[in-house]
Amino acid sequence: MSGVTRKQTSGHAQDAEAPEGGSPSGTFRIGVRRDSVDDDDDDDDLDEEPERASSSWKRGSRPPEQYSSAWCECSDAYSVFAESVTGPFARDAARLVHLRPGAEVLDVAAGTGAFTFAAAERGAKVLATDFSPKMIDSLRQHCIGRGLSQVETAVMDGMNLALPENSFDVSASLFGLMFFPDHMRGLAELFRVTKPGGQAVIATWALPARVELMRLVGETAMLADIAVPSESTPTWLELASERELKRRFLAQGFSNAHVVSVTHVWVLEKAELFAEFLPLMTPSSVSLFDRMTEEEKVRFRDVLVQGFHERQGKGPYAVTSQALIAVGTKPRA
């Protein structure tokens, strides 16, 4: 892999941004825009002093997922979430592309590394990129712990990859490109850096009604009489359709595009642990709970735990999520 300065298990480069969006009653949608405090804060949060940058996203007008500092704040908890929830989908995605030993693989918006690990454990050489330096730090440490020496990392904007064209056998973005402000630009970058005959794979959540985690948060907030922001529809929902995903892959120039719908279950021993973990898990959940009073947080937790007990007794407790995995092939010249 060449053409960009990066580190193997050790880098920081630049920050970036990566949908706008709201929710109907009973559904909490990841990627919902916060109430705007000052539209001037749309400037990249990297332009601010570190102390201000770390919290500027909480008063921003864009969706929380578009701020790298937001992902930095929740990276530790998201690492647990990725292993338990997105990890199984990442392993599915790895089985849906050709990952031979030695294959050159790019993971865009890699987060804490679910797809990176799945590809590297199959013998691929992986470049993992993300616009959040702390996510990359976390991914790098996990690679060291897993003994994955063939993984390189770089802080990079997924819509403007500092990489040469036709470089990778497989280019991927799982639960990352879905949050980009411009999905087609992100897909165009995947197409550009993929070798002719190579494959691109992305994953996005299905409709919120099919993602129990989102449904639980919305329903619990209603039962606890807590307001959930509902300004507009998050743009990632544009991709929550098998037909639309395939259309976009073909429009970008990929051939043999197909979409697979996959469902997995997150199993937890204690509902109380889920309730404690939820407020820290993603930028959207951090944002939601940051708006609550302490009394509302306690009320939300009590209603959530009680609901688990009423539905599933003494556990273990299951939370079901559905995702769409799209694969396309770049035609040979």
Protein backbone atom coordinates (compact mmCIF):
# COMPACT_ATOMS: atom_id res chain seq x y z
CA MET A 1 0.00 0.00 0.00
CA SER A 2 1.53 3.30 -1.05
CA GLY A 3 0.77 6.90 -1.81
CA VAL A 4 -0.11 8.15 1.69
CA THR A 5 1.75 8.75 4.91
CA ARG A 6 0.35 6.53 7.63
CA LYS A 7 1.39 4.47 10.60
CA GLN A 8 1.46 0.77 11.24
CA THR A 9 0.08 0.26 14.73
CA SER A 10 0.85 3.81 15.66
CA GLY A 11 -0.88 8.43 13.58
CA HIS A 12 -2.84 11.43 13.45
CA ALA A 13 -3.41 13.52 10.41
CA GLN A 14 -6.42 15.70 9.94
CA ASP A 15 -9.95 15.95 11.19
CA ALA A 16 -12.96 16.00 8.96
CA GLU A 17 -16.69 15.78 9.01
CA ALA A 18 -18.90 13.22 7.76
CA PRO A 19 -26.23 13.37 7.42
CA GLU A 20 -28.65 15.62 8.57
CA GLY A 21 -31.65 14.37 10.11
CA GLY A 22 -35.32 13.37 13.11
CA SER A 23 -37.74 10.83 14.25
CA PRO A 24 -41.41 9.99 14.32
CA SER A 25 -43.06 9.09 17.59
CA GLY A 26 -41.64 6.00 19.20
CA THR A 27 -38.44 5.82 17.20
CA PHE A 28 -35.04 7.31 18.00
CA ARG A 29 -33.03 7.72 14.83
CA ILE A 30 -29.29 7.87 14.84
CA GLY A 31 -28.08 10.91 12.95
CA VAL A 32 -30.77 13.32 14.09
CA ARG A 33 -29.79 17.00 13.97
CA ARG A 34 -29.55 18.80 17.31
CA ASP A 35 -31.23 22.15 17.89
CA SER A 36 -28.97 24.81 16.41
CA VAL A 37 -27.39 27.19 18.88
CA ASP A 38 -25.29 29.09 16.36
CA ASP A 39 -25.16 28.21 12.69
CA ASP A 40 -21.64 29.63 12.54
CA ASP A 41 -20.43 26.54 14.38
CA ASP A 42 -20.65 24.62 11.12
CA ASP A 43 -16.92 25.19 10.78
CA ASP A 44 -14.83 22.10 11.34
CA ASP A 45 -14.44 21.48 15.07
CA LEU A 46 -10.73 21.00 14.52
CA ASP A 47 -10.39 24.74 14.00
CA GLU A 48 -11.15 25.33 17.68
CA GLU A 49 -8.94 25.01 20.71
CA PRO A 50 -8.82 21.40 22.00
CA GLU A 51 -10.94 22.17 25.07
CA ARG A 52 -13.66 23.81 22.99
CA ALA A 53 -13.45 21.30 20.15
CA SER A 54 -14.13 18.44 22.55
CA SER A 55 -17.59 19.80 23.33
CA SER A 56 -18.47 22.03 20.35
CA TRP A 57 -20.41 19.25 18.66
CA LYS A 58 -22.93 19.28 21.53
CA ARG A 59 -24.05 22.75 20.49
CA GLY A 60 -23.70 22.21 16.77
CA SER A 61 -26.35 22.35 14.07
CA ARG A 62 -25.19 19.25 12.23
CA PRO A 63 -25.93 15.64 13.22
CA PRO A 64 -23.60 14.49 16.02
CA GLU A 65 -22.09 11.83 13.76
CA GLN A 66 -20.59 14.54 11.54
CA TYR A 67 -18.18 15.71 14.26
CA SER A 68 -14.95 13.79 14.81
CA SER A 69 -14.82 15.09 18.39
CA ALA A 70 -18.18 13.39 19.05
CA TRP A 71 -16.74 10.03 18.04
CA CYS A 72 -13.64 10.74 20.12
CA GLU A 73 -15.85 11.24 23.16
CA CYS A 74 -17.71 7.95 22.81
CA SER A 75 -14.91 5.81 21.34
CA ASP A 76 -14.45 3.58 24.40
CA ALA A 77 -18.13 2.69 24.71
CA TYR A 78 -18.51 2.41 20.94
CA SER A 79 -15.73 -0.16 20.91
CA VAL A 80 -17.91 -2.42 23.07
CA PHE A 81 -20.92 -1.66 20.87
CA ALA A 82 -18.95 -2.46 17.72
CA GLU A 83 -17.76 -5.80 19.06
CA SER A 84 -21.23 -6.83 20.20
CA VAL A 85 -23.51 -5.26 17.60
CA THR A 86 -21.72 -4.28 14.39
CA GLY A 87 -19.08 -7.02 14.65
CA PRO A 88 -21.36 -9.83 13.43
CA PHE A 89 -22.39 -7.74 10.41
CA ALA A 90 -18.73 -7.00 9.67
CA ARG A 91 -17.95 -10.71 9.64
CA ASP A 92 -20.87 -11.25 7.26
CA ALA A 93 -19.53 -8.52 4.98
CA ALA A 94 -16.09 -10.16 5.00
CA ARG A 95 -17.68 -13.38 3.76
CA LEU A 96 -19.51 -11.57 0.96
CA VAL A 97 -16.32 -10.32 -0.78
CA HIS A 98 -13.17 -12.03 -2.03
CA LEU A 99 -10.68 -11.75 0.82
CA ARG A 100 -7.78 -13.97 -0.14
CA PRO A 101 -4.57 -13.94 1.95
CA GLY A 102 -2.49 -10.92 0.98
CA ALA A 103 -5.41 -9.00 -0.53
CA GLU A 104 -5.12 -5.19 -0.28
CA VAL A 105 -8.12 -3.91 1.71
CA LEU A 106 -9.28 -0.39 2.60
CA ASP A 107 -11.64 0.18 5.54
CA VAL A 108 -13.17 3.69 5.37
CA ALA A 109 -14.74 5.20 8.49
CA ALA A 110 -13.41 2.11 10.21
CA GLY A 111 -14.42 3.16 13.70
CA THR A 112 -12.85 0.86 16.23
CA GLY A 113 -12.18 -1.80 13.60
CA ALA A 114 -14.93 -4.41 13.24
CA PHE A 115 -14.39 -4.94 9.50
CA THR A 116 -10.65 -4.36 9.75
CA PHE A 117 -10.34 -7.26 12.18
CA ALA A 118 -12.57 -9.52 10.09
CA ALA A 119 -10.48 -8.86 6.97
CA ALA A 120 -7.09 -9.08 8.69
CA GLU A 121 -8.00 -12.35 10.39
CA ARG A 122 -8.60 -13.76 6.89
CA GLY A 123 -5.06 -12.83 5.90
CA ALA A 124 -5.71 -9.50 4.15
CA LYS A 125 -3.43 -6.46 4.43
CA VAL A 126 -5.65 -3.64 5.67
CA LEU A 127 -5.43 0.14 5.68
CA ALA A 128 -7.96 1.36 8.26
CA THR A 129 -8.99 5.03 8.02
CA ASP A 130 -11.29 7.22 10.07
CA PHE A 131 -11.72 10.96 10.62
CA SER A 132 -11.61 10.48 14.41
CA PRO A 133 -8.06 10.28 15.79
CA LYS A 134 -9.23 8.59 18.98
CA MET A 135 -11.09 5.92 17.03
CA ILE A 136 -7.89 5.22 15.12
CA ASP A 137 -5.94 5.08 18.41
CA SER A 138 -8.44 2.57 19.79
CA LEU A 139 -8.32 0.49 16.61
CA ARG A 140 -4.54 0.47 16.66
CA GLN A 141 -4.43 -0.74 20.26
CA HIS A 142 -6.89 -3.52 19.48
CA CYS A 143 -4.69 -4.60 16.55
CA ILE A 144 -1.70 -4.83 18.88
CA GLY A 145 -3.73 -6.87 21.35
CA ARG A 146 -4.89 -9.22 18.59
CA GLY A 147 -1.43 -9.52 17.05
CA LEU A 148 -2.58 -8.12 13.70
CA SER A 149 0.67 -6.68 12.37
CA GLN A 150 -0.60 -6.38 8.79
CA VAL A 151 -2.93 -3.48 9.63
CA GLU A 152 -1.94 0.12 8.90
CA THR A 153 -3.93 3.15 10.08
CA ALA A 154 -4.46 6.75 8.94
CA VAL A 155 -6.70 9.64 9.96
CA MET A 156 -8.51 10.53 6.76
CA ASP A 157 -11.71 12.06 5.37
CA GLY A 158 -13.77 9.33 3.72
CA MET A 159 -15.11 11.76 1.12
CA ASN A 160 -11.62 12.92 0.12
CA LEU A 161 -9.29 9.95 0.44
CA ALA A 162 -5.59 10.82 0.15
CA LEU A 163 -4.98 7.61 -1.79
CA PRO A 164 -4.16 6.75 -5.41
CA GLU A 165 -6.81 5.26 -7.66
CA ASN A 166 -7.01 1.54 -8.42
CA SER A 167 -5.17 0.57 -5.23
CA PHE A 168 -7.33 -1.93 -3.33
CA ASP A 169 -8.84 -5.34 -4.01
CA VAL A 170 -11.65 -4.60 -1.55
CA SER A 171 -12.82 -1.19 -0.33
CA ALA A 172 -15.30 -1.12 2.55
CA SER A 173 -17.28 1.23 4.75
CA LEU A 174 -19.51 -0.42 7.33
CA PHE A 175 -21.93 1.86 9.18
CA GLY A 176 -19.69 4.78 8.21
CA LEU A 177 -20.50 6.04 4.72
CA MET A 178 -24.16 6.11 5.76
CA PHE A 179 -23.35 9.16 7.93
CA PHE A 180 -21.46 11.11 5.24
CA PRO A 181 -23.13 14.37 4.18
CA ASP A 182 -22.77 13.21 0.55
CA HIS A 183 -23.27 9.47 0.11
CA MET A 184 -22.48 9.46 -3.59
CA ARG A 185 -19.23 11.31 -3.05
CA GLY A 186 -18.21 8.69 -0.50
CA LEU A 187 -19.22 5.91 -2.88
CA ALA A 188 -17.31 7.61 -5.70
CA GLU A 189 -14.16 7.57 -3.56
CA LEU A 190 -14.59 3.85 -2.87
CA PHE A 191 -14.99 3.28 -6.61
CA ARG A 192 -11.93 5.39 -7.44
CA VAL A 193 -9.52 3.58 -5.12
CA THR A 194 -10.78 0.07 -5.90
CA LYS A 195 -8.84 -1.92 -8.48
CA PRO A 196 -10.64 -2.93 -11.70
CA GLY A 197 -12.22 -6.28 -10.92
CA GLY A 198 -12.14 -5.47 -7.21
CA GLN A 199 -15.13 -5.08 -4.91
CA ALA A 200 -16.66 -2.44 -2.67
CA VAL A 201 -18.89 -3.29 0.28
CA ILE A 202 -20.90 -1.04 2.57
CA ALA A 203 -23.35 -1.68 5.39
CA THR A 204 -26.14 0.52 6.70
CA TRP A 205 -28.95 0.03 9.17
CA ALA A 206 -32.34 -1.01 7.86
CA LEU A 207 -35.41 1.08 8.63
CA PRO A 208 -35.56 2.07 12.33
CA ALA A 209 -38.60 -0.14 12.86
CA ARG A 210 -36.31 -3.11 12.12
CA VAL A 211 -33.53 -1.93 14.44
CA GLU A 212 -34.76 -2.70 17.94
CA LEU A 213 -32.17 -0.49 19.63
CA MET A 214 -33.60 2.62 17.93
CA ARG A 215 -37.14 1.51 18.60
CA LEU A 216 -36.42 0.85 22.29
CA VAL A 217 -34.96 4.31 22.85
CA GLY A 218 -37.91 6.03 21.18
CA GLU A 219 -40.56 3.95 22.94
CA THR A 220 -38.86 4.30 26.32
CA ALA A 221 -38.60 8.08 25.93
CA MET A 222 -42.33 8.27 25.16
CA LEU A 223 -43.32 6.08 28.11
CA ALA A 224 -41.06 8.12 30.39
CA ASP A 225 -42.56 11.36 29.00
CA ILE A 226 -39.21 12.63 27.70
CA ALA A 227 -39.02 14.69 24.51
CA VAL A 228 -37.00 13.27 21.62
CA PRO A 229 -35.83 15.72 18.92
CA SER A 230 -37.68 15.33 15.63
CA GLU A 231 -36.58 18.15 13.35
CA SER A 232 -36.13 16.25 10.10
CA THR A 233 -35.35 12.86 8.60
CA PRO A 234 -31.70 11.71 8.82
CA THR A 235 -30.25 11.31 5.35
CA TRP A 236 -28.90 7.82 6.03
CA LEU A 237 -32.50 6.62 5.72
CA GLU A 238 -32.06 7.22 1.97
CA LEU A 239 -29.88 4.10 2.01
CA ALA A 240 -32.22 1.94 4.11
CA SER A 241 -33.70 0.34 0.99
CA GLU A 242 -32.30 -2.60 -0.93
CA ARG A 243 -33.52 -1.14 -4.22
CA GLU A 244 -31.99 2.30 -3.54
CA LEU A 245 -28.66 0.88 -2.41
CA LYS A 246 -28.38 -1.21 -5.56
CA ARG A 247 -29.41 1.76 -7.72
CA ARG A 248 -26.67 3.93 -6.24
CA PHE A 249 -23.99 1.30 -6.72
CA LEU A 250 -24.96 0.88 -10.36
CA ALA A 251 -25.19 4.66 -10.88
CA GLN A 252 -21.65 5.01 -9.58
CA GLY A 253 -20.39 2.51 -12.13
CA PHE A 254 -20.22 -0.74 -10.18
CA SER A 255 -21.47 -3.92 -11.83
CA ASN A 256 -23.02 -7.03 -10.31
CA ALA A 257 -24.37 -4.97 -7.43
CA HIS A 258 -26.45 -6.86 -4.93
CA VAL A 259 -27.80 -6.23 -1.44
CA VAL A 260 -28.22 -8.72 1.39
CA SER A 261 -30.50 -8.15 4.36
CA VAL A 262 -29.02 -9.57 7.57
CA THR A 263 -30.37 -9.78 11.13
CA HIS A 264 -28.39 -10.36 14.32
CA VAL A 265 -29.23 -10.50 18.00
CA TRP A 266 -27.33 -8.71 20.75
CA VAL A 267 -27.69 -10.77 23.93
CA LEU A 268 -27.19 -9.17 27.35
CA GLU A 269 -27.17 -10.84 30.75
CA LYS A 270 -28.53 -7.83 32.65
CA ALA A 271 -30.93 -5.14 31.51
CA GLU A 272 -29.36 -2.75 34.01
CA LEU A 273 -26.00 -2.94 32.24
CA PHE A 274 -27.65 -2.06 28.94
CA ALA A 275 -29.31 0.95 30.57
CA GLU A 276 -25.98 2.15 31.97
CA PHE A 277 -24.14 1.61 28.69
CA LEU A 278 -26.70 3.17 26.35
CA PRO A 279 -26.03 6.87 27.17
CA LEU A 280 -22.35 6.47 26.22
CA MET A 281 -22.66 4.35 23.11
CA THR A 282 -22.87 6.63 20.05
CA PRO A 283 -22.79 10.38 19.40
CA SER A 284 -26.57 10.40 19.02
CA SER A 285 -27.16 8.66 22.35
CA VAL A 286 -24.64 10.91 24.10
CA SER A 287 -26.41 13.91 22.57
CA LEU A 288 -29.86 12.67 23.61
CA PHE A 289 -28.92 12.03 27.22
CA ASP A 290 -26.95 15.26 27.45
CA ARG A 291 -30.25 17.08 26.93
CA MET A 292 -31.99 15.25 29.78
CA THR A 293 -32.20 16.38 33.37
CA GLU A 294 -30.87 14.02 36.02
CA GLU A 295 -34.44 13.16 36.99
CA GLU A 296 -35.29 12.33 33.37
CA LYS A 297 -32.21 10.10 33.09
CA VAL A 298 -33.30 8.12 36.15
CA ARG A 299 -36.86 7.88 34.83
CA PHE A 300 -35.64 6.71 31.42
CA ARG A 301 -33.42 4.06 32.99
CA ASP A 302 -36.21 2.74 35.23
CA VAL A 303 -38.72 2.52 32.35
CA LEU A 304 -36.17 0.84 30.07
CA VAL A 305 -35.21 -1.81 32.63
CA GLN A 306 -38.82 -2.45 33.60
CA GLY A 307 -39.72 -2.94 29.94
CA PHE A 308 -36.99 -5.56 29.50
CA HIS A 309 -38.18 -7.42 32.59
CA GLU A 310 -41.81 -7.35 31.45
CA ARG A 311 -40.99 -8.62 27.96
CA GLN A 312 -38.17 -11.05 28.64
CA GLY A 313 -38.40 -11.95 32.33
CA LYS A 314 -35.12 -12.51 34.12
CA GLY A 315 -33.08 -12.65 30.93
CA PRO A 316 -30.79 -13.09 29.14
CA TYR A 317 -32.12 -10.16 27.12
CA ALA A 318 -32.13 -9.96 23.34
CA VAL A 319 -31.95 -6.83 21.17
CA THR A 320 -32.45 -7.53 17.45
CA SER A 321 -31.04 -5.40 14.64
CA GLN A 322 -31.31 -5.63 10.86
CA ALA A 323 -28.77 -4.20 8.42
CA LEU A 324 -28.30 -4.08 4.67
CA ILE A 325 -24.95 -5.11 3.17
CA ALA A 326 -24.32 -3.98 -0.41
CA VAL A 327 -21.56 -5.35 -2.64
CA GLY A 328 -20.50 -4.14 -6.07
CA THR A 329 -17.68 -4.99 -8.51
CA LYS A 330 -15.62 -2.38 -10.36
CA PRO A 331 -15.59 -3.35 -14.05
CA ARG A 332 -12.31 -4.20 -15.68
CA ALA A 333 -11.10 -1.75 -18.30
